[in-house]
Amino acid sequence: MSDLKLSAEVRSEFGKGAARRARRNEQIPAVIYGHGAEPLHVLLPAKATTLALRTANALLTLDVEGEEHLALAKDIQRDPLLQIIEHVDLLTVRQGEKVQVDVSVHVDGEIAAGAVFNLEHATVLVEADATHLPENVTVNVEGREVGEHVHASDLVLPTGVALLVEGDTIIATVSAPAVTEEPAEGEAAEAAPAEESAE
């Protein structure tokens, strides 16, 4: 089971006014759905929920008035300015059930000196046991030279995790640094008299 346990209460009021009241009471409106059950609308403790959801694909054990639900956050709505959580969609999962989630790509190693590393995909879609979701997948780029590509097939996956993107998908590239062209000495000299004549 999840180490992240939150107490929740059933939500009986709806609408913008009710949502504002909930936030004033340091609660976050949420809905729990999945497995063909009727959606369950709840209120979660704001501080504990915000801390729990800092971890990507956090598995939560929700105590809804004595009944436990194992769930993953599938959609987190935030205030665009304040960045506080306004609403959470939670997907019910079961132990041993396979789920699809996006996980971050962690890069190990140093590329060749003078080269530039460009991460094209910061996350990839994987399938894994709902109770053993990886925090990330890794790729080693040690010594990669200009012109080389890192493909999805190069990613190192934890045991029991399946990659759901094509193996030839380019995850990152190694390129030469961009060169900023400076004006030639002659061009700079020609520009000066033109400025003086304008005066």
N, C-alpha and C. Protein backbone atom coordinates (compact mmCIF):
# COMPACT_ATOMS: atom_id res chain seq x y z
N MET A 1 0.84 -1.20 0.00
CA MET A 1 0.00 0.00 0.00
C MET A 1 0.87 1.25 0.00
N SER A 2 0.24 2.37 -0.27
CA SER A 2 0.98 3.62 -0.35
C SER A 2 1.34 4.15 1.03
N ASP A 3 2.53 4.78 1.10
CA ASP A 3 2.94 5.45 2.34
C ASP A 3 2.30 6.82 2.45
N LEU A 4 1.74 7.33 1.33
CA LEU A 4 1.13 8.65 1.32
C LEU A 4 -0.36 8.51 1.62
N LYS A 5 -0.71 8.75 2.87
CA LYS A 5 -2.11 8.58 3.29
C LYS A 5 -2.76 9.92 3.56
N LEU A 6 -3.92 10.11 2.99
CA LEU A 6 -4.66 11.36 3.16
C LEU A 6 -6.08 11.06 3.63
N SER A 7 -6.55 11.87 4.56
CA SER A 7 -7.94 11.76 4.99
C SER A 7 -8.79 12.64 4.09
N ALA A 8 -9.91 12.12 3.66
CA ALA A 8 -10.80 12.89 2.78
C ALA A 8 -12.22 12.81 3.31
N GLU A 9 -12.99 13.83 2.98
CA GLU A 9 -14.40 13.79 3.35
C GLU A 9 -15.27 13.95 2.10
N VAL A 10 -16.42 13.33 2.12
CA VAL A 10 -17.32 13.38 0.96
C VAL A 10 -17.79 14.82 0.75
N ARG A 11 -17.77 15.25 -0.49
CA ARG A 11 -18.15 16.62 -0.84
C ARG A 11 -19.64 16.65 -1.18
N SER A 12 -20.36 17.54 -0.52
CA SER A 12 -21.80 17.63 -0.75
C SER A 12 -22.22 18.91 -1.47
N GLU A 13 -21.32 19.91 -1.49
CA GLU A 13 -21.62 21.18 -2.15
C GLU A 13 -20.79 21.32 -3.42
N PHE A 14 -21.39 21.89 -4.46
CA PHE A 14 -20.70 22.04 -5.73
C PHE A 14 -20.83 23.46 -6.26
N GLY A 15 -20.09 23.75 -7.32
CA GLY A 15 -20.13 25.10 -7.88
C GLY A 15 -18.93 25.92 -7.44
N LYS A 16 -18.76 27.08 -8.10
CA LYS A 16 -17.60 27.92 -7.82
C LYS A 16 -17.57 28.44 -6.39
N GLY A 17 -18.75 28.80 -5.87
CA GLY A 17 -18.82 29.32 -4.51
C GLY A 17 -18.39 28.27 -3.50
N ALA A 18 -18.86 27.04 -3.70
CA ALA A 18 -18.50 25.95 -2.79
C ALA A 18 -17.00 25.66 -2.87
N ALA A 19 -16.46 25.75 -4.10
CA ALA A 19 -15.03 25.49 -4.27
C ALA A 19 -14.21 26.55 -3.55
N ARG A 20 -14.65 27.81 -3.64
CA ARG A 20 -13.94 28.89 -2.95
C ARG A 20 -13.99 28.69 -1.44
N ARG A 21 -15.15 28.29 -0.94
CA ARG A 21 -15.28 28.05 0.51
C ARG A 21 -14.34 26.93 0.94
N ALA A 22 -14.28 25.90 0.12
CA ALA A 22 -13.40 24.77 0.44
C ALA A 22 -11.95 25.22 0.53
N ARG A 23 -11.52 26.05 -0.43
CA ARG A 23 -10.14 26.51 -0.43
C ARG A 23 -9.86 27.42 0.76
N ARG A 24 -10.87 28.21 1.15
CA ARG A 24 -10.70 29.04 2.36
C ARG A 24 -10.52 28.17 3.60
N ASN A 25 -11.15 27.01 3.57
CA ASN A 25 -11.03 26.06 4.69
C ASN A 25 -9.82 25.15 4.55
N GLU A 26 -8.91 25.53 3.62
CA GLU A 26 -7.68 24.76 3.35
C GLU A 26 -8.01 23.33 2.93
N GLN A 27 -8.97 23.22 2.00
CA GLN A 27 -9.32 21.93 1.41
C GLN A 27 -9.29 22.06 -0.12
N ILE A 28 -9.02 20.93 -0.77
CA ILE A 28 -8.97 20.90 -2.24
C ILE A 28 -10.06 19.98 -2.76
N PRO A 29 -10.96 20.48 -3.63
CA PRO A 29 -11.97 19.61 -4.24
C PRO A 29 -11.29 18.56 -5.13
N ALA A 30 -11.81 17.34 -5.12
CA ALA A 30 -11.25 16.27 -5.94
C ALA A 30 -12.34 15.28 -6.31
N VAL A 31 -12.07 14.48 -7.33
CA VAL A 31 -13.02 13.42 -7.71
C VAL A 31 -12.23 12.13 -7.89
N ILE A 32 -12.77 11.04 -7.36
CA ILE A 32 -12.16 9.72 -7.48
C ILE A 32 -13.02 8.92 -8.46
N TYR A 33 -12.39 8.33 -9.50
CA TYR A 33 -13.17 7.58 -10.48
C TYR A 33 -12.37 6.35 -10.92
N GLY A 34 -13.04 5.48 -11.67
CA GLY A 34 -12.37 4.30 -12.21
C GLY A 34 -13.05 3.00 -11.84
N HIS A 35 -12.72 1.94 -12.60
CA HIS A 35 -13.26 0.59 -12.38
C HIS A 35 -14.78 0.54 -12.47
N GLY A 36 -15.36 1.44 -13.25
CA GLY A 36 -16.80 1.41 -13.48
C GLY A 36 -17.65 1.92 -12.33
N ALA A 37 -17.00 2.40 -11.29
CA ALA A 37 -17.75 2.90 -10.12
C ALA A 37 -18.21 4.34 -10.39
N GLU A 38 -19.24 4.74 -9.68
CA GLU A 38 -19.71 6.13 -9.77
C GLU A 38 -18.62 7.06 -9.25
N PRO A 39 -18.38 8.19 -9.92
CA PRO A 39 -17.38 9.14 -9.42
C PRO A 39 -17.70 9.56 -7.99
N LEU A 40 -16.67 9.63 -7.17
CA LEU A 40 -16.84 10.01 -5.77
C LEU A 40 -16.20 11.37 -5.57
N HIS A 41 -17.00 12.38 -5.22
CA HIS A 41 -16.50 13.75 -5.03
C HIS A 41 -16.11 13.93 -3.56
N VAL A 42 -14.86 14.40 -3.37
CA VAL A 42 -14.33 14.51 -2.01
C VAL A 42 -13.61 15.84 -1.82
N LEU A 43 -13.26 16.11 -0.58
CA LEU A 43 -12.42 17.25 -0.22
C LEU A 43 -11.16 16.71 0.46
N LEU A 44 -9.99 17.20 0.01
CA LEU A 44 -8.71 16.75 0.54
C LEU A 44 -8.03 17.86 1.33
N PRO A 45 -7.22 17.52 2.34
CA PRO A 45 -6.49 18.56 3.09
C PRO A 45 -5.46 19.22 2.18
N ALA A 46 -5.51 20.54 2.06
CA ALA A 46 -4.70 21.27 1.08
C ALA A 46 -3.19 21.06 1.28
N LYS A 47 -2.70 21.27 2.51
CA LYS A 47 -1.25 21.22 2.74
C LYS A 47 -0.70 19.83 2.48
N ALA A 48 -1.32 18.81 3.06
CA ALA A 48 -0.83 17.43 2.92
C ALA A 48 -0.92 16.96 1.47
N THR A 49 -1.98 17.37 0.78
CA THR A 49 -2.15 16.96 -0.62
C THR A 49 -1.10 17.62 -1.51
N THR A 50 -0.85 18.91 -1.29
CA THR A 50 0.15 19.62 -2.07
C THR A 50 1.52 18.99 -1.89
N LEU A 51 1.87 18.62 -0.67
CA LEU A 51 3.15 17.96 -0.40
C LEU A 51 3.21 16.60 -1.09
N ALA A 52 2.14 15.84 -1.00
CA ALA A 52 2.11 14.49 -1.59
C ALA A 52 2.25 14.55 -3.11
N LEU A 53 1.65 15.54 -3.73
CA LEU A 53 1.65 15.61 -5.19
C LEU A 53 2.91 16.26 -5.77
N ARG A 54 3.85 16.60 -4.92
CA ARG A 54 5.15 17.07 -5.44
C ARG A 54 5.89 15.93 -6.11
N THR A 55 5.59 14.71 -5.71
CA THR A 55 6.20 13.52 -6.32
C THR A 55 5.36 13.11 -7.52
N ALA A 56 6.01 12.98 -8.68
CA ALA A 56 5.28 12.59 -9.88
C ALA A 56 4.73 11.18 -9.72
N ASN A 57 3.50 10.98 -10.21
CA ASN A 57 2.83 9.67 -10.16
C ASN A 57 2.76 9.11 -8.74
N ALA A 58 2.53 10.01 -7.77
CA ALA A 58 2.43 9.58 -6.37
C ALA A 58 1.22 8.67 -6.19
N LEU A 59 1.43 7.55 -5.50
CA LEU A 59 0.35 6.63 -5.18
C LEU A 59 -0.21 7.01 -3.82
N LEU A 60 -1.51 7.31 -3.78
CA LEU A 60 -2.13 7.81 -2.56
C LEU A 60 -3.11 6.79 -1.98
N THR A 61 -3.11 6.67 -0.66
CA THR A 61 -4.15 5.92 0.03
C THR A 61 -5.09 6.95 0.64
N LEU A 62 -6.32 6.97 0.15
CA LEU A 62 -7.30 7.95 0.60
C LEU A 62 -8.28 7.31 1.57
N ASP A 63 -8.36 7.87 2.76
CA ASP A 63 -9.33 7.40 3.75
C ASP A 63 -10.55 8.29 3.65
N VAL A 64 -11.57 7.79 2.95
CA VAL A 64 -12.80 8.56 2.77
C VAL A 64 -13.82 8.10 3.80
N GLU A 65 -13.80 8.80 4.92
CA GLU A 65 -14.74 8.50 6.02
C GLU A 65 -14.75 7.02 6.36
N GLY A 66 -13.54 6.45 6.51
CA GLY A 66 -13.39 5.06 6.94
C GLY A 66 -13.21 4.06 5.82
N GLU A 67 -13.43 4.46 4.56
CA GLU A 67 -13.27 3.55 3.43
C GLU A 67 -12.01 3.94 2.65
N GLU A 68 -11.11 2.97 2.44
CA GLU A 68 -9.84 3.28 1.79
C GLU A 68 -9.91 3.11 0.27
N HIS A 69 -9.27 4.05 -0.42
CA HIS A 69 -9.16 4.01 -1.88
C HIS A 69 -7.70 4.21 -2.25
N LEU A 70 -7.18 3.34 -3.11
CA LEU A 70 -5.83 3.49 -3.64
C LEU A 70 -5.96 4.24 -4.96
N ALA A 71 -5.23 5.35 -5.11
CA ALA A 71 -5.46 6.18 -6.30
C ALA A 71 -4.20 6.90 -6.77
N LEU A 72 -4.21 7.23 -8.07
CA LEU A 72 -3.16 8.03 -8.70
C LEU A 72 -3.75 9.34 -9.17
N ALA A 73 -3.00 10.41 -9.05
CA ALA A 73 -3.47 11.70 -9.56
C ALA A 73 -3.28 11.71 -11.08
N LYS A 74 -4.39 11.85 -11.83
CA LYS A 74 -4.32 11.85 -13.29
C LYS A 74 -4.37 13.26 -13.87
N ASP A 75 -4.98 14.18 -13.15
CA ASP A 75 -5.04 15.56 -13.64
C ASP A 75 -5.05 16.50 -12.44
N ILE A 76 -4.11 17.45 -12.45
CA ILE A 76 -4.01 18.43 -11.36
C ILE A 76 -4.23 19.81 -11.95
N GLN A 77 -5.29 20.48 -11.52
CA GLN A 77 -5.57 21.82 -12.02
C GLN A 77 -5.04 22.84 -11.01
N ARG A 78 -4.25 23.79 -11.54
CA ARG A 78 -3.63 24.80 -10.68
C ARG A 78 -4.06 26.20 -11.10
N ASP A 79 -4.08 27.11 -10.14
CA ASP A 79 -4.32 28.52 -10.45
C ASP A 79 -3.14 29.01 -11.29
N PRO A 80 -3.40 29.61 -12.47
CA PRO A 80 -2.31 30.00 -13.36
C PRO A 80 -1.35 31.03 -12.76
N LEU A 81 -1.82 31.84 -11.84
CA LEU A 81 -0.97 32.86 -11.22
C LEU A 81 -0.36 32.39 -9.91
N LEU A 82 -1.20 31.91 -9.01
CA LEU A 82 -0.73 31.52 -7.68
C LEU A 82 -0.11 30.13 -7.65
N GLN A 83 -0.44 29.30 -8.68
CA GLN A 83 0.07 27.93 -8.77
C GLN A 83 -0.40 27.03 -7.62
N ILE A 84 -1.47 27.45 -6.93
CA ILE A 84 -2.02 26.56 -5.90
C ILE A 84 -2.93 25.54 -6.58
N ILE A 85 -3.05 24.36 -5.99
CA ILE A 85 -3.90 23.31 -6.58
C ILE A 85 -5.36 23.65 -6.35
N GLU A 86 -6.14 23.66 -7.43
CA GLU A 86 -7.56 24.00 -7.35
C GLU A 86 -8.46 22.76 -7.41
N HIS A 87 -8.00 21.71 -8.10
CA HIS A 87 -8.82 20.50 -8.23
C HIS A 87 -7.93 19.35 -8.65
N VAL A 88 -8.29 18.14 -8.23
CA VAL A 88 -7.51 16.95 -8.58
C VAL A 88 -8.45 15.84 -9.05
N ASP A 89 -8.10 15.23 -10.19
CA ASP A 89 -8.79 14.02 -10.66
C ASP A 89 -7.95 12.82 -10.23
N LEU A 90 -8.56 11.88 -9.53
CA LEU A 90 -7.84 10.73 -9.00
C LEU A 90 -8.38 9.44 -9.61
N LEU A 91 -7.48 8.59 -10.10
CA LEU A 91 -7.87 7.32 -10.71
C LEU A 91 -7.67 6.19 -9.70
N THR A 92 -8.75 5.47 -9.43
CA THR A 92 -8.67 4.31 -8.54
C THR A 92 -7.85 3.20 -9.19
N VAL A 93 -6.93 2.61 -8.43
CA VAL A 93 -6.12 1.50 -8.93
C VAL A 93 -6.15 0.36 -7.92
N ARG A 94 -5.73 -0.81 -8.40
CA ARG A 94 -5.65 -1.98 -7.52
C ARG A 94 -4.22 -2.51 -7.51
N GLN A 95 -3.85 -3.16 -6.43
CA GLN A 95 -2.53 -3.76 -6.33
C GLN A 95 -2.37 -4.79 -7.45
N GLY A 96 -1.25 -4.72 -8.18
CA GLY A 96 -1.02 -5.66 -9.27
C GLY A 96 -1.56 -5.19 -10.61
N GLU A 97 -2.35 -4.14 -10.62
CA GLU A 97 -2.92 -3.61 -11.85
C GLU A 97 -1.87 -2.83 -12.63
N LYS A 98 -1.87 -2.99 -13.97
CA LYS A 98 -0.95 -2.25 -14.83
C LYS A 98 -1.60 -0.92 -15.23
N VAL A 99 -0.83 0.16 -15.14
CA VAL A 99 -1.32 1.48 -15.55
C VAL A 99 -0.28 2.15 -16.44
N GLN A 100 -0.74 3.11 -17.23
CA GLN A 100 0.14 3.86 -18.10
C GLN A 100 0.37 5.26 -17.52
N VAL A 101 1.63 5.64 -17.40
CA VAL A 101 1.96 6.96 -16.85
C VAL A 101 3.16 7.54 -17.60
N ASP A 102 3.28 8.86 -17.55
CA ASP A 102 4.47 9.54 -18.07
C ASP A 102 5.49 9.64 -16.95
N VAL A 103 6.74 9.26 -17.25
CA VAL A 103 7.81 9.39 -16.26
C VAL A 103 8.94 10.23 -16.85
N SER A 104 9.68 10.90 -15.99
CA SER A 104 10.74 11.79 -16.46
C SER A 104 11.97 10.99 -16.89
N VAL A 105 12.74 11.60 -17.79
CA VAL A 105 13.99 11.00 -18.28
C VAL A 105 15.15 11.58 -17.47
N HIS A 106 15.89 10.73 -16.79
CA HIS A 106 17.04 11.16 -15.99
C HIS A 106 18.32 10.88 -16.78
N VAL A 107 19.15 11.90 -16.93
CA VAL A 107 20.37 11.78 -17.74
C VAL A 107 21.59 11.61 -16.85
N ASP A 108 22.39 10.55 -17.13
CA ASP A 108 23.65 10.32 -16.42
C ASP A 108 24.81 10.53 -17.37
N GLY A 109 25.95 10.93 -16.83
CA GLY A 109 27.17 11.03 -17.62
C GLY A 109 27.37 12.40 -18.25
N GLU A 110 28.54 12.56 -18.86
CA GLU A 110 28.93 13.81 -19.51
C GLU A 110 29.19 13.56 -20.98
N ILE A 111 28.66 14.41 -21.84
CA ILE A 111 28.93 14.29 -23.27
C ILE A 111 30.33 14.81 -23.57
N ALA A 112 30.79 14.62 -24.81
CA ALA A 112 32.13 15.07 -25.20
C ALA A 112 32.29 16.56 -24.98
N ALA A 113 33.50 16.97 -24.65
CA ALA A 113 33.79 18.39 -24.40
C ALA A 113 33.45 19.23 -25.63
N GLY A 114 32.81 20.37 -25.40
CA GLY A 114 32.49 21.28 -26.49
C GLY A 114 31.17 21.00 -27.19
N ALA A 115 30.53 19.87 -26.87
CA ALA A 115 29.25 19.52 -27.49
C ALA A 115 28.09 20.06 -26.64
N VAL A 116 26.91 20.14 -27.25
CA VAL A 116 25.72 20.64 -26.55
C VAL A 116 24.67 19.53 -26.53
N PHE A 117 24.09 19.30 -25.36
CA PHE A 117 23.08 18.25 -25.19
C PHE A 117 21.68 18.86 -25.24
N ASN A 118 20.82 18.32 -26.08
CA ASN A 118 19.45 18.82 -26.22
C ASN A 118 18.46 17.70 -25.91
N LEU A 119 17.72 17.86 -24.82
CA LEU A 119 16.72 16.85 -24.44
C LEU A 119 15.42 17.14 -25.20
N GLU A 120 15.06 16.27 -26.13
CA GLU A 120 13.87 16.47 -26.95
C GLU A 120 12.59 16.03 -26.23
N HIS A 121 12.70 14.98 -25.41
CA HIS A 121 11.55 14.46 -24.66
C HIS A 121 11.95 14.35 -23.19
N ALA A 122 11.38 15.21 -22.35
CA ALA A 122 11.71 15.19 -20.92
C ALA A 122 10.98 14.05 -20.20
N THR A 123 9.91 13.53 -20.82
CA THR A 123 9.16 12.41 -20.23
C THR A 123 8.86 11.38 -21.33
N VAL A 124 8.61 10.14 -20.91
CA VAL A 124 8.18 9.09 -21.84
C VAL A 124 7.03 8.32 -21.20
N LEU A 125 6.20 7.72 -22.04
CA LEU A 125 5.06 6.94 -21.56
C LEU A 125 5.50 5.50 -21.31
N VAL A 126 5.19 5.01 -20.11
CA VAL A 126 5.52 3.63 -19.76
C VAL A 126 4.30 2.94 -19.15
N GLU A 127 4.38 1.62 -19.06
CA GLU A 127 3.35 0.84 -18.38
C GLU A 127 4.03 0.09 -17.24
N ALA A 128 3.40 0.14 -16.06
CA ALA A 128 4.00 -0.50 -14.89
C ALA A 128 2.92 -0.84 -13.88
N ASP A 129 3.30 -1.64 -12.89
CA ASP A 129 2.41 -1.98 -11.79
C ASP A 129 2.04 -0.69 -11.04
N ALA A 130 0.76 -0.50 -10.79
CA ALA A 130 0.28 0.72 -10.15
C ALA A 130 0.93 0.96 -8.79
N THR A 131 1.33 -0.10 -8.12
CA THR A 131 1.93 0.07 -6.79
C THR A 131 3.46 0.08 -6.83
N HIS A 132 4.04 0.01 -8.04
CA HIS A 132 5.50 0.06 -8.17
C HIS A 132 5.89 0.93 -9.37
N LEU A 133 5.38 2.14 -9.37
CA LEU A 133 5.67 3.05 -10.48
C LEU A 133 7.06 3.66 -10.33
N PRO A 134 7.84 3.71 -11.41
CA PRO A 134 9.17 4.32 -11.31
C PRO A 134 9.08 5.84 -11.25
N GLU A 135 10.02 6.46 -10.55
CA GLU A 135 10.08 7.92 -10.53
C GLU A 135 10.63 8.45 -11.85
N ASN A 136 11.53 7.65 -12.47
CA ASN A 136 12.11 8.07 -13.74
C ASN A 136 12.71 6.86 -14.46
N VAL A 137 13.13 7.11 -15.70
CA VAL A 137 13.95 6.15 -16.44
C VAL A 137 15.26 6.86 -16.75
N THR A 138 16.34 6.11 -16.91
CA THR A 138 17.64 6.75 -17.07
C THR A 138 18.27 6.45 -18.43
N VAL A 139 19.18 7.33 -18.82
CA VAL A 139 19.98 7.11 -20.02
C VAL A 139 21.39 7.64 -19.74
N ASN A 140 22.40 6.89 -20.17
CA ASN A 140 23.78 7.30 -19.97
C ASN A 140 24.31 7.91 -21.26
N VAL A 141 24.81 9.15 -21.17
CA VAL A 141 25.28 9.85 -22.37
C VAL A 141 26.80 10.06 -22.33
N GLU A 142 27.49 9.32 -21.47
CA GLU A 142 28.92 9.50 -21.29
C GLU A 142 29.68 9.43 -22.63
N GLY A 143 30.42 10.51 -22.94
CA GLY A 143 31.27 10.51 -24.12
C GLY A 143 30.57 10.67 -25.45
N ARG A 144 29.28 10.91 -25.47
CA ARG A 144 28.56 11.06 -26.75
C ARG A 144 29.12 12.25 -27.52
N GLU A 145 29.28 12.05 -28.83
CA GLU A 145 29.89 13.06 -29.68
C GLU A 145 28.84 13.85 -30.46
N VAL A 146 29.28 14.99 -31.03
CA VAL A 146 28.41 15.81 -31.88
C VAL A 146 27.84 14.96 -33.01
N GLY A 147 26.53 15.09 -33.22
CA GLY A 147 25.87 14.33 -34.30
C GLY A 147 25.21 13.06 -33.82
N GLU A 148 25.48 12.63 -32.59
CA GLU A 148 24.86 11.41 -32.07
C GLU A 148 23.46 11.69 -31.55
N HIS A 149 22.61 10.66 -31.63
CA HIS A 149 21.25 10.75 -31.11
C HIS A 149 21.08 9.73 -29.97
N VAL A 150 20.26 10.09 -29.01
CA VAL A 150 19.86 9.16 -27.94
C VAL A 150 18.44 8.71 -28.27
N HIS A 151 18.24 7.41 -28.44
CA HIS A 151 16.92 6.88 -28.80
C HIS A 151 16.22 6.28 -27.58
N ALA A 152 14.92 6.10 -27.71
CA ALA A 152 14.14 5.51 -26.61
C ALA A 152 14.68 4.13 -26.25
N SER A 153 15.21 3.42 -27.24
CA SER A 153 15.77 2.08 -26.99
C SER A 153 17.01 2.13 -26.10
N ASP A 154 17.61 3.32 -25.94
CA ASP A 154 18.78 3.47 -25.07
C ASP A 154 18.40 3.65 -23.60
N LEU A 155 17.13 3.88 -23.33
CA LEU A 155 16.70 4.12 -21.95
C LEU A 155 16.80 2.84 -21.12
N VAL A 156 17.22 3.00 -19.87
CA VAL A 156 17.30 1.87 -18.95
C VAL A 156 16.02 1.84 -18.13
N LEU A 157 15.26 0.74 -18.26
CA LEU A 157 13.97 0.62 -17.58
C LEU A 157 14.08 -0.25 -16.34
N PRO A 158 13.43 0.14 -15.24
CA PRO A 158 13.40 -0.72 -14.05
C PRO A 158 12.67 -2.03 -14.37
N THR A 159 12.90 -3.03 -13.58
CA THR A 159 12.25 -4.33 -13.76
C THR A 159 10.73 -4.18 -13.73
N GLY A 160 10.05 -4.81 -14.68
CA GLY A 160 8.59 -4.78 -14.70
C GLY A 160 7.99 -3.58 -15.38
N VAL A 161 8.84 -2.71 -15.95
CA VAL A 161 8.36 -1.50 -16.62
C VAL A 161 8.52 -1.67 -18.13
N ALA A 162 7.46 -1.38 -18.88
CA ALA A 162 7.47 -1.50 -20.34
C ALA A 162 7.39 -0.12 -20.97
N LEU A 163 8.22 0.12 -21.98
CA LEU A 163 8.22 1.39 -22.70
C LEU A 163 7.10 1.38 -23.73
N LEU A 164 6.32 2.47 -23.80
CA LEU A 164 5.18 2.54 -24.71
C LEU A 164 5.40 3.53 -25.85
N VAL A 165 6.66 3.85 -26.14
CA VAL A 165 6.99 4.66 -27.31
C VAL A 165 7.92 3.84 -28.19
N GLU A 166 7.95 4.15 -29.48
CA GLU A 166 8.79 3.40 -30.42
C GLU A 166 10.27 3.52 -30.03
N GLY A 167 11.00 2.42 -30.20
CA GLY A 167 12.40 2.40 -29.82
C GLY A 167 13.27 3.39 -30.57
N ASP A 168 12.85 3.75 -31.81
CA ASP A 168 13.67 4.68 -32.59
C ASP A 168 13.30 6.15 -32.35
N THR A 169 12.39 6.40 -31.39
CA THR A 169 12.05 7.79 -31.03
C THR A 169 13.29 8.50 -30.49
N ILE A 170 13.59 9.68 -31.03
CA ILE A 170 14.77 10.43 -30.57
C ILE A 170 14.44 11.14 -29.26
N ILE A 171 15.13 10.76 -28.21
CA ILE A 171 14.93 11.34 -26.89
C ILE A 171 15.81 12.58 -26.71
N ALA A 172 17.02 12.54 -27.27
CA ALA A 172 17.95 13.66 -27.12
C ALA A 172 18.94 13.66 -28.28
N THR A 173 19.53 14.82 -28.53
CA THR A 173 20.55 14.96 -29.57
C THR A 173 21.78 15.62 -28.98
N VAL A 174 22.92 15.36 -29.62
CA VAL A 174 24.17 16.00 -29.24
C VAL A 174 24.62 16.81 -30.45
N SER A 175 24.76 18.10 -30.27
CA SER A 175 25.08 18.98 -31.39
C SER A 175 26.24 19.90 -31.06
N ALA A 176 26.71 20.59 -32.11
CA ALA A 176 27.78 21.58 -31.92
C ALA A 176 27.17 22.85 -31.34
N PRO A 177 27.93 23.60 -30.54
CA PRO A 177 27.39 24.85 -29.98
C PRO A 177 27.10 25.85 -31.08
N ALA A 178 26.08 26.66 -30.88
CA ALA A 178 25.72 27.69 -31.85
C ALA A 178 26.82 28.75 -31.88
N VAL A 179 27.14 29.20 -33.10
CA VAL A 179 28.19 30.21 -33.26
C VAL A 179 27.54 31.54 -33.60
N THR A 180 27.85 32.56 -32.80
CA THR A 180 27.33 33.91 -33.06
C THR A 180 28.30 34.64 -33.97
N GLU A 181 27.83 35.03 -35.15
CA GLU A 181 28.70 35.72 -36.09
C GLU A 181 28.85 37.19 -35.71
N GLU A 182 30.12 37.65 -35.67
CA GLU A 182 30.39 39.05 -35.37
C GLU A 182 30.69 39.78 -36.67
N PRO A 183 30.30 41.06 -36.79
CA PRO A 183 30.56 41.78 -38.04
C PRO A 183 32.06 41.91 -38.31
N ALA A 184 32.41 41.83 -39.60
CA ALA A 184 33.82 41.96 -39.97
C ALA A 184 34.28 43.39 -39.68
N GLU A 185 35.62 43.58 -39.55
CA GLU A 185 36.17 44.90 -39.21
C GLU A 185 35.77 45.95 -40.24
N GLY A 186 35.79 45.58 -41.52
CA GLY A 186 35.44 46.52 -42.58
C GLY A 186 34.01 47.00 -42.48
N GLU A 187 33.09 46.08 -42.13
CA GLU A 187 31.67 46.43 -42.01
C GLU A 187 31.47 47.41 -40.86
N ALA A 188 32.19 47.19 -39.76
CA ALA A 188 32.05 48.07 -38.60
C ALA A 188 32.56 49.46 -38.93
N ALA A 189 33.65 49.53 -39.72
CA ALA A 189 34.23 50.83 -40.07
C ALA A 189 33.31 51.61 -40.99
N GLU A 190 32.62 50.89 -41.90
CA GLU A 190 31.70 51.56 -42.82
C GLU A 190 30.50 52.11 -42.10
N ALA A 191 30.07 51.48 -41.02
CA ALA A 191 28.88 51.89 -40.30
C ALA A 191 29.11 53.21 -39.57
N ALA A 192 30.34 53.47 -39.11
CA ALA A 192 30.62 54.67 -38.32
C ALA A 192 30.41 55.96 -39.09
N PRO A 193 30.98 56.15 -40.31
CA PRO A 193 30.75 57.40 -41.04
C PRO A 193 29.28 57.66 -41.35
N ALA A 194 28.55 56.58 -41.62
CA ALA A 194 27.12 56.73 -41.93
C ALA A 194 26.39 57.35 -40.76
N GLU A 195 26.77 56.95 -39.53
CA GLU A 195 26.12 57.50 -38.33
C GLU A 195 26.47 58.97 -38.17
N GLU A 196 27.75 59.31 -38.50
CA GLU A 196 28.19 60.70 -38.34
C GLU A 196 27.48 61.61 -39.32
N SER A 197 27.33 61.17 -40.59
CA SER A 197 26.67 62.01 -41.59
C SER A 197 25.22 62.27 -41.25
N ALA A 198 24.60 61.31 -40.52
CA ALA A 198 23.20 61.48 -40.13
C ALA A 198 23.05 62.64 -39.16
N GLU A 199 24.13 62.92 -38.39
CA GLU A 199 24.07 64.01 -37.44
C GLU A 199 24.25 65.32 -38.20
